[in-house]
Amino acid sequence: MTGSSALSFGGLPLRLDLDRQVRRYDLQQMHRQRWS
């Protein structure tokens, strides 16, 4: 995914939302590795 496409879809608010989803996914991966 490119920055230009993100900007065309609403700019900063969308980038922050995507960043939040990525962080949530990373946390799930960390917990999965920790308890596996």
N, C-alpha and C. Protein backbone atom coordinates (compact mmCIF):
# COMPACT_ATOMS: atom_id res chain seq x y z
N MET A 1 0.84 -1.20 0.00
CA MET A 1 0.00 0.00 0.00
C MET A 1 0.88 1.24 0.00
N THR A 2 0.50 2.22 -0.80
CA THR A 2 1.30 3.43 -0.92
C THR A 2 0.68 4.57 -0.13
N GLY A 3 1.50 5.57 0.24
CA GLY A 3 1.00 6.71 1.00
C GLY A 3 0.03 7.53 0.18
N SER A 4 0.26 7.61 -1.14
CA SER A 4 -0.61 8.44 -1.99
C SER A 4 -2.03 7.88 -2.02
N SER A 5 -2.18 6.56 -2.06
CA SER A 5 -3.51 5.98 -2.08
C SER A 5 -4.23 6.23 -0.76
N ALA A 6 -3.49 6.17 0.34
CA ALA A 6 -4.08 6.43 1.65
C ALA A 6 -4.56 7.87 1.74
N LEU A 7 -3.74 8.80 1.19
CA LEU A 7 -4.13 10.21 1.22
C LEU A 7 -5.39 10.42 0.39
N SER A 8 -5.51 9.71 -0.72
CA SER A 8 -6.67 9.90 -1.60
C SER A 8 -7.94 9.34 -0.95
N PHE A 9 -7.77 8.47 0.05
CA PHE A 9 -8.94 7.88 0.72
C PHE A 9 -9.26 8.56 2.05
N GLY A 10 -8.79 9.80 2.23
CA GLY A 10 -9.18 10.52 3.45
C GLY A 10 -7.99 11.03 4.24
N GLY A 11 -6.78 10.68 3.83
CA GLY A 11 -5.60 11.25 4.47
C GLY A 11 -5.36 10.72 5.88
N LEU A 12 -5.04 11.64 6.76
CA LEU A 12 -4.55 11.30 8.10
C LEU A 12 -5.50 10.44 8.92
N PRO A 13 -6.81 10.74 8.98
CA PRO A 13 -7.70 9.89 9.79
C PRO A 13 -7.62 8.42 9.40
N LEU A 14 -7.57 8.14 8.09
CA LEU A 14 -7.48 6.75 7.66
C LEU A 14 -6.14 6.15 8.04
N ARG A 15 -5.07 6.92 7.89
CA ARG A 15 -3.75 6.42 8.26
C ARG A 15 -3.72 6.05 9.73
N LEU A 16 -4.32 6.89 10.58
CA LEU A 16 -4.34 6.61 12.02
C LEU A 16 -5.16 5.35 12.30
N ASP A 17 -6.27 5.17 11.59
CA ASP A 17 -7.11 3.99 11.80
C ASP A 17 -6.37 2.73 11.37
N LEU A 18 -5.68 2.79 10.23
CA LEU A 18 -4.91 1.63 9.77
C LEU A 18 -3.80 1.32 10.76
N ASP A 19 -3.13 2.37 11.27
CA ASP A 19 -2.05 2.18 12.23
C ASP A 19 -2.58 1.50 13.49
N ARG A 20 -3.81 1.88 13.88
CA ARG A 20 -4.42 1.28 15.07
C ARG A 20 -4.70 -0.20 14.83
N GLN A 21 -5.19 -0.55 13.64
CA GLN A 21 -5.48 -1.95 13.32
C GLN A 21 -4.19 -2.76 13.30
N VAL A 22 -3.12 -2.16 12.73
CA VAL A 22 -1.84 -2.87 12.67
C VAL A 22 -1.31 -3.12 14.07
N ARG A 23 -1.44 -2.13 14.95
CA ARG A 23 -0.96 -2.31 16.32
C ARG A 23 -1.74 -3.41 17.02
N ARG A 24 -3.06 -3.45 16.81
CA ARG A 24 -3.88 -4.48 17.44
C ARG A 24 -3.46 -5.87 16.94
N TYR A 25 -3.17 -5.98 15.63
CA TYR A 25 -2.73 -7.25 15.07
C TYR A 25 -1.39 -7.67 15.67
N ASP A 26 -0.47 -6.69 15.81
CA ASP A 26 0.84 -7.00 16.39
C ASP A 26 0.69 -7.50 17.82
N LEU A 27 -0.22 -6.89 18.60
CA LEU A 27 -0.42 -7.33 19.97
C LEU A 27 -0.95 -8.76 20.00
N GLN A 28 -1.86 -9.10 19.09
CA GLN A 28 -2.40 -10.45 19.04
C GLN A 28 -1.28 -11.45 18.71
N GLN A 29 -0.40 -11.07 17.77
CA GLN A 29 0.71 -11.95 17.40
C GLN A 29 1.65 -12.16 18.59
N MET A 30 1.92 -11.09 19.35
CA MET A 30 2.79 -11.19 20.51
C MET A 30 2.21 -12.15 21.54
N HIS A 31 0.90 -12.02 21.82
CA HIS A 31 0.27 -12.89 22.80
C HIS A 31 0.28 -14.34 22.32
N ARG A 32 0.06 -14.52 21.01
CA ARG A 32 0.03 -15.88 20.46
C ARG A 32 1.39 -16.54 20.61
N GLN A 33 2.46 -15.79 20.35
CA GLN A 33 3.81 -16.36 20.48
C GLN A 33 4.14 -16.62 21.95
N ARG A 34 3.65 -15.73 22.83
CA ARG A 34 3.97 -15.85 24.25
C ARG A 34 3.33 -17.09 24.86
N TRP A 35 2.11 -17.41 24.44
CA TRP A 35 1.38 -18.51 25.06
C TRP A 35 1.44 -19.82 24.26
N SER A 36 2.14 -19.80 23.15
CA SER A 36 2.22 -21.02 22.34
C SER A 36 3.24 -21.98 22.94
